[in-house]
Amino acid sequence: MRPPVTQADSEEIIVAARALRRGITELYRRLRSERMAHGLSATKLSILGRLTLSGPLTVTALAAQERVQPQSLTRTLADLEESKLIVRRQDQVDRRQSLTEITQLGEDLLKNDARRQATWLALAMSSVLTPAERELLRVAAQLMRQLADAEVSRVLKPAEAGG
């Protein structure tokens, strides 16, 4: 069992959370600038990535995994389908449902985009960071995945969390 969080602990955690958010934001902006010139939004890339990891999904399941409402995916999925990056087909188990799946073209685009960003990041890491710092980032990446999956019972109000 964890000891109770004190006010001082809470303030320290908020400061750390702000610093982490800012660092993630800056790195995200830089990685976004390293993308290929395909013109796909982060949402579309996220959907392609999700379908690559999960396999074919119903719109409801895809929305749940992306943490959005199913209706908000309508236009995005139509655009991806029009670009031949995904296909939608009838579910053979439940014929009332359709499954969305990534195409080979979508997989290739996603792999090339990820490779380009990973190459830039690897070069930056090897030129700027020590081996110990790179190992620290590897551990931090796992911790960030844990945070992304966290279900917390209390949401701070914006005024509590600050900038």
C-alpha atoms as a PDB file:
ATOM      1  CA  MET A   1       0.000   0.000   0.000  1.00  0.00           C
ATOM      2  CA  ARG A   2       1.293   3.458  -0.881  1.00  0.00           C
ATOM      3  CA  PRO A   3       1.602   6.114   1.817  1.00  0.00           C
ATOM      4  CA  PRO A   4      -0.846   9.027   1.571  1.00  0.00           C
ATOM      5  CA  VAL A   5       0.156  11.890  -0.724  1.00  0.00           C
ATOM      6  CA  THR A   6       0.957  15.083   1.166  1.00  0.00           C
ATOM      7  CA  GLN A   7       0.435  18.616  -0.137  1.00  0.00           C
ATOM      8  CA  ALA A   8       4.202  18.935  -0.723  1.00  0.00           C
ATOM      9  CA  ASP A   9       4.208  15.629  -2.638  1.00  0.00           C
ATOM     10  CA  SER A  10       1.234  16.823  -4.652  1.00  0.00           C
ATOM     11  CA  GLU A  11       2.964  20.063  -5.640  1.00  0.00           C
ATOM     12  CA  GLU A  12       6.139  18.154  -6.566  1.00  0.00           C
ATOM     13  CA  ILE A  13       4.113  15.755  -8.716  1.00  0.00           C
ATOM     14  CA  ILE A  14       2.366  18.666 -10.481  1.00  0.00           C
ATOM     15  CA  VAL A  15       5.734  20.292 -11.247  1.00  0.00           C
ATOM     16  CA  ALA A  16       7.046  16.972 -12.585  1.00  0.00           C
ATOM     17  CA  ALA A  17       3.863  16.454 -14.631  1.00  0.00           C
ATOM     18  CA  ARG A  18       4.215  19.913 -16.198  1.00  0.00           C
ATOM     19  CA  ALA A  19       7.842  19.256 -17.105  1.00  0.00           C
ATOM     20  CA  LEU A  20       6.967  15.866 -18.610  1.00  0.00           C
ATOM     21  CA  ARG A  21       4.071  17.322 -20.617  1.00  0.00           C
ATOM     22  CA  ARG A  22       6.276  20.092 -21.983  1.00  0.00           C
ATOM     23  CA  GLY A  23       9.035  17.657 -22.910  1.00  0.00           C
ATOM     24  CA  ILE A  24       6.596  15.316 -24.639  1.00  0.00           C
ATOM     25  CA  THR A  25       5.034  18.237 -26.506  1.00  0.00           C
ATOM     26  CA  GLU A  26       8.373  19.535 -27.777  1.00  0.00           C
ATOM     27  CA  LEU A  27       9.556  16.080 -28.845  1.00  0.00           C
ATOM     28  CA  TYR A  28       6.195  15.415 -30.544  1.00  0.00           C
ATOM     29  CA  ARG A  29       6.484  18.673 -32.497  1.00  0.00           C
ATOM     30  CA  ARG A  30       9.978  17.757 -33.643  1.00  0.00           C
ATOM     31  CA  LEU A  31       8.983  14.236 -34.635  1.00  0.00           C
ATOM     32  CA  ARG A  32       5.971  15.618 -36.482  1.00  0.00           C
ATOM     33  CA  SER A  33       8.342  17.826 -38.515  1.00  0.00           C
ATOM     34  CA  GLU A  34      10.318  14.683 -39.452  1.00  0.00           C
ATOM     35  CA  ARG A  35       7.265  12.974 -40.971  1.00  0.00           C
ATOM     36  CA  MET A  36       7.010  12.143 -44.640  1.00  0.00           C
ATOM     37  CA  ALA A  37       5.017  14.567 -46.761  1.00  0.00           C
ATOM     38  CA  HIS A  38       1.924  12.348 -46.865  1.00  0.00           C
ATOM     39  CA  GLY A  39      -0.394  14.942 -45.340  1.00  0.00           C
ATOM     40  CA  LEU A  40      -2.055  12.540 -42.891  1.00  0.00           C
ATOM     41  CA  SER A  41      -3.149  13.933 -39.546  1.00  0.00           C
ATOM     42  CA  ALA A  42      -1.982  12.497 -36.247  1.00  0.00           C
ATOM     43  CA  THR A  43      -5.476  11.026 -35.805  1.00  0.00           C
ATOM     44  CA  LYS A  44      -5.281   9.161 -39.107  1.00  0.00           C
ATOM     45  CA  LEU A  45      -1.799   7.875 -38.334  1.00  0.00           C
ATOM     46  CA  SER A  46      -2.979   6.769 -34.896  1.00  0.00           C
ATOM     47  CA  ILE A  47      -5.866   4.819 -36.431  1.00  0.00           C
ATOM     48  CA  LEU A  48      -3.532   3.130 -38.910  1.00  0.00           C
ATOM     49  CA  GLY A  49      -1.186   2.251 -36.067  1.00  0.00           C
ATOM     50  CA  ARG A  50      -4.019   0.897 -33.949  1.00  0.00           C
ATOM     51  CA  LEU A  51      -5.250  -1.301 -36.805  1.00  0.00           C
ATOM     52  CA  THR A  52      -1.717  -2.572 -37.379  1.00  0.00           C
ATOM     53  CA  LEU A  53      -1.384  -3.588 -33.729  1.00  0.00           C
ATOM     54  CA  SER A  54      -4.909  -4.877 -33.146  1.00  0.00           C
ATOM     55  CA  GLY A  55      -5.916  -6.267 -36.507  1.00  0.00           C
ATOM     56  CA  PRO A  56      -9.392  -5.656 -37.946  1.00  0.00           C
ATOM     57  CA  LEU A  57     -11.762  -3.834 -35.572  1.00  0.00           C
ATOM     58  CA  THR A  58     -15.342  -2.676 -35.509  1.00  0.00           C
ATOM     59  CA  VAL A  59     -15.821   1.082 -35.451  1.00  0.00           C
ATOM     60  CA  THR A  60     -17.022   0.803 -31.833  1.00  0.00           C
ATOM     61  CA  ALA A  61     -13.927  -1.141 -30.752  1.00  0.00           C
ATOM     62  CA  LEU A  62     -11.624   1.195 -32.687  1.00  0.00           C
ATOM     63  CA  ALA A  63     -13.246   4.246 -31.087  1.00  0.00           C
ATOM     64  CA  ALA A  64     -12.917   2.713 -27.621  1.00  0.00           C
ATOM     65  CA  GLN A  65      -9.226   2.000 -28.151  1.00  0.00           C
ATOM     66  CA  GLU A  66      -8.650   5.483 -29.556  1.00  0.00           C
ATOM     67  CA  ARG A  67     -10.699   6.961 -26.674  1.00  0.00           C
ATOM     68  CA  VAL A  68     -13.097   8.837 -28.939  1.00  0.00           C
ATOM     69  CA  GLN A  69     -16.777   8.583 -29.799  1.00  0.00           C
ATOM     70  CA  PRO A  70     -17.585   6.294 -32.763  1.00  0.00           C
ATOM     71  CA  GLN A  71     -19.362   9.123 -34.613  1.00  0.00           C
ATOM     72  CA  SER A  72     -16.181  11.213 -34.527  1.00  0.00           C
ATOM     73  CA  LEU A  73     -14.437   8.573 -36.673  1.00  0.00           C
ATOM     74  CA  THR A  74     -16.932   8.673 -39.547  1.00  0.00           C
ATOM     75  CA  ARG A  75     -15.193  11.289 -41.726  1.00  0.00           C
ATOM     76  CA  THR A  76     -11.697  10.107 -40.798  1.00  0.00           C
ATOM     77  CA  LEU A  77     -12.429   6.506 -41.761  1.00  0.00           C
ATOM     78  CA  ALA A  78     -14.093   7.628 -44.996  1.00  0.00           C
ATOM     79  CA  ASP A  79     -10.955   9.633 -45.896  1.00  0.00           C
ATOM     80  CA  LEU A  80      -8.662   6.699 -45.096  1.00  0.00           C
ATOM     81  CA  GLU A  81     -10.845   4.364 -47.148  1.00  0.00           C
ATOM     82  CA  GLU A  82     -10.930   6.793 -50.072  1.00  0.00           C
ATOM     83  CA  SER A  83      -7.118   6.932 -49.932  1.00  0.00           C
ATOM     84  CA  LYS A  84      -7.053   3.112 -49.999  1.00  0.00           C
ATOM     85  CA  LEU A  85      -5.228   2.988 -46.654  1.00  0.00           C
ATOM     86  CA  ILE A  86      -8.020   0.976 -45.006  1.00  0.00           C
ATOM     87  CA  VAL A  87     -10.856  -1.262 -46.148  1.00  0.00           C
ATOM     88  CA  ARG A  88     -14.149  -1.958 -44.461  1.00  0.00           C
ATOM     89  CA  ARG A  89     -15.863  -5.304 -44.843  1.00  0.00           C
ATOM     90  CA  GLN A  90     -18.746  -7.156 -43.279  1.00  0.00           C
ATOM     91  CA  ASP A  91     -17.973  -9.089 -40.091  1.00  0.00           C
ATOM     92  CA  GLN A  92     -18.458 -12.804 -40.843  1.00  0.00           C
ATOM     93  CA  VAL A  93     -19.463 -13.510 -37.211  1.00  0.00           C
ATOM     94  CA  ASP A  94     -21.933 -10.629 -36.793  1.00  0.00           C
ATOM     95  CA  ARG A  95     -23.160  -9.573 -40.217  1.00  0.00           C
ATOM     96  CA  ARG A  96     -24.683  -6.384 -38.743  1.00  0.00           C
ATOM     97  CA  GLN A  97     -21.162  -5.104 -38.034  1.00  0.00           C
ATOM     98  CA  SER A  98     -18.362  -4.083 -40.345  1.00  0.00           C
ATOM     99  CA  LEU A  99     -14.687  -4.522 -39.663  1.00  0.00           C
ATOM    100  CA  THR A 100     -12.077  -1.916 -40.498  1.00  0.00           C
ATOM    101  CA  GLU A 101      -8.660  -3.165 -41.513  1.00  0.00           C
ATOM    102  CA  ILE A 102      -5.451  -1.572 -42.739  1.00  0.00           C
ATOM    103  CA  THR A 103      -4.386  -2.269 -46.330  1.00  0.00           C
ATOM    104  CA  GLN A 104      -0.884  -3.087 -47.499  1.00  0.00           C
ATOM    105  CA  LEU A 105      -0.622   0.489 -48.782  1.00  0.00           C
ATOM    106  CA  GLY A 106      -1.546   1.750 -45.311  1.00  0.00           C
ATOM    107  CA  GLU A 107       0.966  -0.551 -43.639  1.00  0.00           C
ATOM    108  CA  ASP A 108       3.731   0.539 -46.000  1.00  0.00           C
ATOM    109  CA  LEU A 109       2.982   4.229 -45.423  1.00  0.00           C
ATOM    110  CA  LEU A 110       2.953   3.755 -41.647  1.00  0.00           C
ATOM    111  CA  LYS A 111       6.200   1.735 -41.649  1.00  0.00           C
ATOM    112  CA  ASN A 112       8.031   4.258 -43.828  1.00  0.00           C
ATOM    113  CA  ASP A 113       6.808   7.164 -41.705  1.00  0.00           C
ATOM    114  CA  ALA A 114       7.801   5.423 -38.469  1.00  0.00           C
ATOM    115  CA  ARG A 115      11.193   4.461 -39.911  1.00  0.00           C
ATOM    116  CA  ARG A 116      11.901   8.063 -40.889  1.00  0.00           C
ATOM    117  CA  GLN A 117      11.034   9.377 -37.422  1.00  0.00           C
ATOM    118  CA  ALA A 118      12.882   6.558 -35.630  1.00  0.00           C
ATOM    119  CA  THR A 119      15.989   7.216 -37.730  1.00  0.00           C
ATOM    120  CA  TRP A 120      15.988  10.898 -36.815  1.00  0.00           C
ATOM    121  CA  LEU A 121      15.380  10.071 -33.150  1.00  0.00           C
ATOM    122  CA  ALA A 122      18.143   7.443 -33.061  1.00  0.00           C
ATOM    123  CA  LEU A 123      20.603   9.886 -34.635  1.00  0.00           C
ATOM    124  CA  ALA A 124      19.622  12.601 -32.161  1.00  0.00           C
ATOM    125  CA  MET A 125      19.890  10.217 -29.212  1.00  0.00           C
ATOM    126  CA  SER A 126      23.292   8.912 -30.278  1.00  0.00           C
ATOM    127  CA  SER A 127      24.700  12.381 -30.885  1.00  0.00           C
ATOM    128  CA  VAL A 128      23.277  14.163 -27.827  1.00  0.00           C
ATOM    129  CA  LEU A 129      22.840  11.557 -25.080  1.00  0.00           C
ATOM    130  CA  THR A 130      25.201   9.312 -23.166  1.00  0.00           C
ATOM    131  CA  PRO A 131      24.548   5.549 -23.042  1.00  0.00           C
ATOM    132  CA  ALA A 132      23.213   5.962 -19.488  1.00  0.00           C
ATOM    133  CA  GLU A 133      20.829   8.703 -20.632  1.00  0.00           C
ATOM    134  CA  ARG A 134      19.635   6.540 -23.515  1.00  0.00           C
ATOM    135  CA  GLU A 135      18.916   3.711 -21.069  1.00  0.00           C
ATOM    136  CA  LEU A 136      17.034   6.151 -18.847  1.00  0.00           C
ATOM    137  CA  LEU A 137      14.884   7.135 -21.845  1.00  0.00           C
ATOM    138  CA  ARG A 138      14.169   3.475 -22.586  1.00  0.00           C
ATOM    139  CA  VAL A 139      12.852   3.047 -19.034  1.00  0.00           C
ATOM    140  CA  ALA A 140      10.959   6.359 -19.258  1.00  0.00           C
ATOM    141  CA  ALA A 141       9.281   5.165 -22.469  1.00  0.00           C
ATOM    142  CA  GLN A 142       7.913   2.123 -20.631  1.00  0.00           C
ATOM    143  CA  LEU A 143       6.704   4.351 -17.797  1.00  0.00           C
ATOM    144  CA  MET A 144       4.946   6.654 -20.285  1.00  0.00           C
ATOM    145  CA  ARG A 145       3.142   3.644 -21.775  1.00  0.00           C
ATOM    146  CA  GLN A 146       1.986   2.728 -18.261  1.00  0.00           C
ATOM    147  CA  LEU A 147       0.734   6.273 -17.724  1.00  0.00           C
ATOM    148  CA  ALA A 148      -1.108   6.208 -21.047  1.00  0.00           C
ATOM    149  CA  ASP A 149      -3.003   3.105 -19.884  1.00  0.00           C
ATOM    150  CA  ALA A 150      -3.710   4.433 -16.374  1.00  0.00           C
ATOM    151  CA  GLU A 151      -7.289   4.729 -15.213  1.00  0.00           C
ATOM    152  CA  VAL A 152      -7.382   7.381 -12.511  1.00  0.00           C
ATOM    153  CA  SER A 153     -10.320   8.063 -10.266  1.00  0.00           C
ATOM    154  CA  ARG A 154      -9.876  11.819  -9.938  1.00  0.00           C
ATOM    155  CA  VAL A 155      -9.271  14.377 -12.642  1.00  0.00           C
ATOM    156  CA  LEU A 156      -7.563  17.605 -11.666  1.00  0.00           C
ATOM    157  CA  LYS A 157      -9.308  20.775 -12.664  1.00  0.00           C
ATOM    158  CA  PRO A 158      -7.216  22.896 -15.070  1.00  0.00           C
ATOM    159  CA  ALA A 159      -6.644  25.509 -12.345  1.00  0.00           C
ATOM    160  CA  GLU A 160      -5.215  22.800 -10.061  1.00  0.00           C
ATOM    161  CA  ALA A 161      -2.824  21.391 -12.658  1.00  0.00           C
ATOM    162  CA  GLY A 162      -1.600  24.701 -14.016  1.00  0.00           C
ATOM    163  CA  GLY A 163       0.288  25.222 -17.304  1.00  0.00           C
END
